[in-house]
Each structure stands twice: as structure tokens, then as C-alpha cells.
Amino acid sequence: MLLLTACGDTSDSAAAPDTAAGASATASVGVAGPQGDGVRKRAAPGPRVPIARPREIPALGPRTRASIPADAKQVLVVTGEDYDSSRSSAVLYTRDEPARGWQPVTTRWPAHNALNGWTDEHWEGDLRSPVGVYGLTHAGGLLEPPRTAFPYDQDPLFSVSGEGFEGEPLEGSFDYVVAIDYNRVPGVTPLDRERPLGQERGGGIWIHVDHGGPTQGCISLTEDRMRELLGALDPAKKPVVVMGDEEALER
């Protein structure tokens, strides 16, 4: 049995081309005056063409946007309702055409985060989800993977039992998981226990199947949405998760 400690571990944007705004070159026309002198008239300037800028992900501030790697083409944005809230929502964005910028490819999904909300400095056992931008490099679960290009580790160690903070059953929570690269070695199974920042900084922060209540540190989505997410994630697009309460993400 894998304890829910795995959910908290208590044991480019491309720049728009620099094009001209569409002003026409001013043509000159010679017109004979009364004395036969040439009088030069300027042609009226053409209409200004607005410069198209790549679309940004809404509700993210400059610091958060700058933290998204230039080579990332997929971003899952998880926005908490409040600093101390365990409720949040998630939207997946892609950037397949740099000139167009970020485009949403899902509806807004309901989600849960940690019992006590969010933190900029996560510690083991604080029951808060870490704010930040983190890579998504490996997945796994108790069940066979849905159709996905993402690395996936099926293992019976993803079994879980017991009750959550609101008395809800935890069984099935780890049927599908995506490891969040907070205090872990990227690209290895979610079950890996190595903690580069030290055990005291927590770990085992995953995106997993929602069990109907707050988590110990993870993000949870309904099973259908987890399957949809796994089907959409593409390692070639260097996916990341941007997560935090609304105020933190606006920084």
C-alpha cells in the first residue's frame, strides 16, 4: 500500500516580427502652377495596420510569464481560489504557432489542491501546495495508461486506501498520476524517492485523480480529466505546470 505521503511526502513566447506599421511611402506629383513652376503635393498616408502580438496566457503576471521556459509548448495553468483555499481550477494551453501565442485547448476543469492552500516555500507536512512553474516529465498509475505519448510507469505500488480529510475514500486516487517536478529528479518514475532539496522540503507532488476533497500537496482532477490530460501531454512540447493562488500567479 502506498500511503498518500506521495501527495506531500510526509515520510517562447516568440516575439512578434518587427514590422512597419503600414505607413505608405509619400509619393510626390509635379503640378504646373501659374508660372509653370512645379508644385509638389504629398499623397495621403495609408491607414495604420496594427501589429499583431502573440497571445499571452491570461491572468499571469510578468514574473510568472518569465518563469515559463522558452521551449515550453504546453502549459497546464492551475489557479487556486485563494491563498488558504483547497479549491482550484485548471486549463491546458498550447503554443503550436509562436506567432499566435498561447491557445486554450480545454475548458476550465475543477480541481483540488492542498488542505491549507498554497505556499511560496513548501516544507514537509505543511499541507500546502508549492507555488511555481514546474516541469512535467513522467507519469504513472495503477491502471494501464490511456493512449498517450507520455512516459508512463504502471505499477501496483500506486495502490492507496484509507480516507481523506473530509472522510472520502482515497481508493483509486493514484489510478493515473503525472509527477510535478518539484524537489525530484526530472524524467524518472513518480515513485522515485530522491529529493534534491532535502527530505525536509517535501516532495511527491503529483497531479492525480480527484478523491473529492483536499490533498496533502498535490493537484487533483477528475478521472476523465486525468485521462484527457495524459492523452494531450506531449514530451516533445516540453510541458510545464504553472500553479498557485490567483494573487501569486498575477505577480
Protein backbone atom coordinates (compact mmCIF):
# COMPACT_ATOMS: atom_id res chain seq x y z
CA MET A 1 0.00 0.00 0.00
CA LEU A 2 1.31 3.43 -0.97
CA LEU A 3 0.39 6.00 1.62
CA LEU A 4 -0.88 9.38 0.49
CA THR A 5 2.50 10.71 1.56
CA ALA A 6 3.26 10.64 -2.16
CA CYS A 7 0.96 13.64 -2.27
CA GLY A 8 3.06 15.76 0.05
CA ASP A 9 5.71 13.23 1.10
CA THR A 10 5.47 13.46 4.87
CA SER A 11 7.85 10.25 5.27
CA ASP A 12 8.72 31.01 -26.15
CA SER A 13 6.86 33.29 -26.11
CA ALA A 14 8.24 34.24 -29.53
CA ALA A 15 8.49 37.96 -30.22
CA ALA A 16 6.26 39.40 -32.93
CA PRO A 17 8.14 40.31 -36.11
CA ASP A 18 9.34 43.90 -36.02
CA THR A 19 7.28 45.07 -38.98
CA ALA A 20 6.40 48.55 -40.07
CA ALA A 21 3.00 49.84 -39.04
CA GLY A 22 1.83 50.11 -42.61
CA ALA A 23 2.63 53.75 -43.36
CA SER A 24 2.92 54.30 -47.14
CA ALA A 25 5.88 55.95 -48.74
CA THR A 26 4.92 59.57 -49.55
CA ALA A 27 4.72 59.88 -53.33
CA SER A 28 5.34 63.28 -54.93
CA VAL A 29 3.50 64.53 -58.00
CA GLY A 30 4.62 67.60 -60.07
CA VAL A 31 1.79 70.00 -60.96
CA ALA A 32 2.28 73.08 -63.16
CA GLY A 33 1.49 76.35 -61.38
CA PRO A 34 0.57 79.72 -62.84
CA GLN A 35 4.24 80.50 -63.58
CA GLY A 36 4.90 76.97 -64.79
CA ASP A 37 6.71 76.08 -61.55
CA GLY A 38 6.33 72.55 -60.28
CA VAL A 39 4.24 72.38 -57.07
CA ARG A 40 4.74 69.18 -55.10
CA LYS A 41 1.81 67.55 -53.37
CA ARG A 42 2.02 64.70 -50.84
CA ALA A 43 -0.17 61.68 -51.23
CA ALA A 44 -2.38 60.96 -48.21
CA PRO A 45 -0.83 58.37 -45.84
CA GLY A 46 -2.38 54.91 -45.84
CA PRO A 47 -4.26 53.50 -42.85
CA ARG A 48 -2.19 52.19 -39.94
CA VAL A 49 -2.10 48.42 -39.64
CA PRO A 50 -1.94 47.24 -36.01
CA ILE A 51 0.98 45.00 -35.10
CA ALA A 52 -0.25 41.51 -34.23
CA ARG A 53 1.24 40.33 -30.94
CA PRO A 54 1.32 36.71 -29.78
CA ARG A 55 -1.47 35.87 -27.37
CA GLU A 56 -0.43 35.59 -23.73
CA ILE A 57 -1.95 33.30 -21.11
CA PRO A 58 -4.48 35.45 -19.24
CA ALA A 59 -4.17 36.30 -15.53
CA LEU A 60 -0.43 35.61 -15.38
CA GLY A 61 1.82 38.46 -14.28
CA PRO A 62 5.21 39.34 -15.81
CA ARG A 63 7.23 37.37 -13.26
CA THR A 64 5.18 34.24 -13.75
CA ARG A 65 5.30 34.51 -17.54
CA ALA A 66 9.06 34.99 -17.44
CA SER A 67 9.37 31.73 -15.47
CA ILE A 68 7.84 29.67 -18.29
CA PRO A 69 10.72 28.11 -20.27
CA ALA A 70 11.13 29.47 -23.79
CA ASP A 71 10.95 25.97 -25.27
CA ALA A 72 7.72 25.00 -23.48
CA LYS A 73 4.83 24.47 -25.90
CA GLN A 74 2.30 23.13 -23.36
CA VAL A 75 1.28 24.73 -20.08
CA LEU A 76 -1.25 23.48 -17.55
CA VAL A 77 -2.32 26.51 -15.50
CA VAL A 78 -3.74 25.62 -12.07
CA THR A 79 -5.28 28.65 -10.35
CA GLY A 80 -6.27 28.47 -6.69
CA GLU A 81 -9.33 30.35 -5.50
CA ASP A 82 -7.42 31.87 -2.58
CA TYR A 83 -4.12 31.57 -0.70
CA ASP A 84 -5.73 29.42 2.01
CA SER A 85 -8.25 27.61 -0.21
CA SER A 86 -8.08 23.97 -1.29
CA ARG A 87 -10.19 24.60 -4.38
CA SER A 88 -8.74 25.50 -7.75
CA SER A 89 -9.26 25.16 -11.50
CA ALA A 90 -7.05 24.11 -14.40
CA VAL A 91 -6.76 24.96 -18.11
CA LEU A 92 -4.35 23.44 -20.64
CA TYR A 93 -2.73 25.80 -23.17
CA THR A 94 -0.56 25.06 -26.20
CA ARG A 95 1.74 27.22 -28.31
CA ASP A 96 1.97 25.37 -31.62
CA GLU A 97 2.32 28.55 -33.68
CA PRO A 98 4.62 31.09 -31.98
CA ALA A 99 3.16 33.99 -33.95
CA ARG A 100 -0.30 33.24 -32.49
CA GLY A 101 0.92 32.65 -28.96
CA TRP A 102 -0.87 30.57 -26.33
CA GLN A 103 -4.23 28.99 -27.13
CA PRO A 104 -6.52 27.19 -24.63
CA VAL A 105 -7.25 23.62 -25.70
CA THR A 106 -9.52 22.58 -22.81
CA THR A 107 -12.38 24.01 -20.84
CA ARG A 108 -11.78 25.13 -17.25
CA TRP A 109 -11.53 21.98 -15.14
CA PRO A 110 -12.43 21.92 -11.43
CA ALA A 111 -9.53 20.81 -9.24
CA HIS A 112 -8.34 20.45 -5.66
CA ASN A 113 -5.04 21.44 -4.11
CA ALA A 114 -3.63 21.06 -0.59
CA LEU A 115 -5.78 21.37 2.53
CA ASN A 116 -4.17 24.61 3.75
CA GLY A 117 -3.87 26.23 0.33
CA TRP A 118 -0.61 27.48 -1.21
CA THR A 119 2.92 28.50 -0.27
CA ASP A 120 5.96 30.06 -1.93
CA GLU A 121 8.21 27.87 0.26
CA HIS A 122 6.94 24.35 0.68
CA TRP A 123 8.04 22.26 3.65
CA GLU A 124 7.30 18.66 4.52
CA GLY A 125 3.97 18.34 6.30
CA ASP A 126 2.78 21.95 5.84
CA LEU A 127 -0.25 20.71 3.85
CA ARG A 128 0.23 23.47 1.26
CA SER A 129 0.84 23.16 -2.48
CA PRO A 130 4.02 24.80 -3.81
CA VAL A 131 3.56 27.92 -5.96
CA GLY A 132 5.69 27.96 -9.08
CA VAL A 133 6.43 26.72 -12.59
CA TYR A 134 7.49 23.07 -12.73
CA GLY A 135 8.26 20.57 -15.47
CA LEU A 136 6.03 17.61 -16.29
CA THR A 137 8.29 14.78 -17.45
CA HIS A 138 6.86 11.44 -16.30
CA ALA A 139 3.55 9.80 -15.42
CA GLY A 140 2.32 6.54 -13.97
CA GLY A 141 -0.52 4.85 -12.21
CA LEU A 142 -2.19 1.69 -11.02
CA LEU A 143 -4.13 1.30 -14.27
CA GLU A 144 -2.90 0.79 -17.80
CA PRO A 145 -2.17 4.11 -19.46
CA PRO A 146 -4.70 5.70 -21.77
CA ARG A 147 -3.45 6.39 -25.26
CA THR A 148 -0.56 8.76 -24.57
CA ALA A 149 2.88 9.70 -25.87
CA PHE A 150 3.97 10.49 -22.33
CA PRO A 151 6.36 8.22 -20.37
CA TYR A 152 4.15 6.10 -18.10
CA ASP A 153 5.01 3.66 -15.31
CA GLN A 154 2.24 1.20 -14.44
CA ASP A 155 2.92 -0.29 -11.02
CA PRO A 156 0.88 -1.93 -8.21
CA LEU A 157 2.70 0.39 -5.77
CA PHE A 158 0.29 3.11 -6.88
CA SER A 159 -2.40 1.41 -4.76
CA VAL A 160 -3.82 3.59 -1.99
CA SER A 161 -6.50 3.16 0.68
CA GLY A 162 -7.87 4.98 3.67
CA GLU A 163 -9.81 8.22 4.00
CA GLY A 164 -9.15 11.83 3.05
CA PHE A 165 -9.51 14.95 5.17
CA GLU A 166 -13.28 15.02 4.67
CA GLY A 167 -13.83 11.29 5.20
CA GLU A 168 -13.86 10.49 1.48
CA PRO A 169 -12.31 7.20 0.30
CA LEU A 170 -8.85 7.54 -1.26
CA GLU A 171 -9.01 4.32 -3.27
CA GLY A 172 -8.33 4.98 -6.96
CA SER A 173 -6.63 8.35 -6.40
CA PHE A 174 -3.42 7.07 -7.97
CA ASP A 175 -5.01 5.20 -10.87
CA TYR A 176 -3.42 7.92 -13.02
CA VAL A 177 -0.76 10.38 -11.90
CA VAL A 178 1.57 12.92 -13.50
CA ALA A 179 4.63 13.80 -11.45
CA ILE A 180 5.25 17.52 -10.87
CA ASP A 181 8.98 18.22 -10.95
CA TYR A 182 9.10 19.86 -7.53
CA ASN A 183 12.06 18.58 -5.47
CA ARG A 184 12.53 15.48 -7.61
CA VAL A 185 14.75 14.19 -10.39
CA PRO A 186 13.04 15.02 -13.71
CA GLY A 187 12.26 12.22 -16.12
CA VAL A 188 12.06 9.31 -13.68
CA THR A 189 9.07 7.40 -12.32
CA PRO A 190 6.77 9.30 -9.93
CA LEU A 191 7.63 6.62 -7.35
CA ASP A 192 11.26 7.76 -7.15
CA ARG A 193 12.13 8.96 -3.63
CA GLU A 194 15.20 11.11 -4.30
CA ARG A 195 14.76 14.68 -3.01
CA PRO A 196 17.43 17.06 -4.40
CA LEU A 197 16.44 19.86 -1.98
CA GLY A 198 16.35 17.52 1.01
CA GLN A 199 13.55 15.50 2.57
CA GLU A 200 12.52 18.44 4.76
CA ARG A 201 11.37 20.37 1.67
CA GLY A 202 8.75 17.75 0.90
CA GLY A 203 8.11 16.01 -2.38
CA GLY A 204 5.87 13.50 -4.08
CA ILE A 205 3.80 16.36 -5.53
CA TRP A 206 1.63 14.89 -8.28
CA ILE A 207 -1.38 15.59 -10.43
CA HIS A 208 -3.69 12.67 -9.69
CA VAL A 209 -7.31 11.50 -9.71
CA ASP A 210 -9.55 13.62 -7.51
CA HIS A 211 -10.99 11.86 -4.44
CA GLY A 212 -13.49 14.62 -3.63
CA GLY A 213 -11.53 16.61 -1.07
CA PRO A 214 -8.29 18.48 -0.31
CA THR A 215 -4.90 16.88 -0.90
CA GLN A 216 -1.71 16.86 1.14
CA GLY A 217 0.10 18.93 -1.51
CA CYS A 218 -0.90 17.55 -4.89
CA ILE A 219 -3.27 18.78 -7.59
CA SER A 220 -6.25 16.52 -8.30
CA LEU A 221 -8.55 16.31 -11.33
CA THR A 222 -11.49 14.05 -12.10
CA GLU A 223 -10.60 10.71 -13.67
CA ASP A 224 -11.97 11.76 -17.07
CA ARG A 225 -9.85 14.91 -17.00
CA MET A 226 -6.76 12.95 -15.97
CA ARG A 227 -7.25 10.69 -18.97
CA GLU A 228 -7.73 13.73 -21.18
CA LEU A 229 -4.60 15.36 -19.79
CA LEU A 230 -2.50 12.23 -20.31
CA GLY A 231 -3.78 11.95 -23.86
CA ALA A 232 -2.82 15.55 -24.59
CA LEU A 233 0.61 15.76 -22.96
CA ASP A 234 3.44 15.54 -25.47
CA PRO A 235 7.03 15.25 -24.22
CA ALA A 236 8.25 16.94 -27.42
CA LYS A 237 6.38 20.08 -26.33
CA LYS A 238 8.25 20.27 -23.00
CA PRO A 239 5.08 20.63 -20.87
CA VAL A 240 5.09 22.52 -17.58
CA VAL A 241 2.56 23.28 -14.87
CA VAL A 242 2.05 26.83 -13.64
CA MET A 243 0.36 26.61 -10.24
CA GLY A 244 -0.58 28.87 -7.37
CA ASP A 245 -3.30 31.02 -5.92
CA GLU A 246 -4.70 33.74 -8.16
CA GLU A 247 -2.81 36.58 -6.48
CA ALA A 248 0.51 34.74 -6.67
CA LEU A 249 0.13 33.98 -10.38
CA GLU A 250 -0.60 37.64 -11.14
CA ARG A 251 2.85 38.70 -9.92
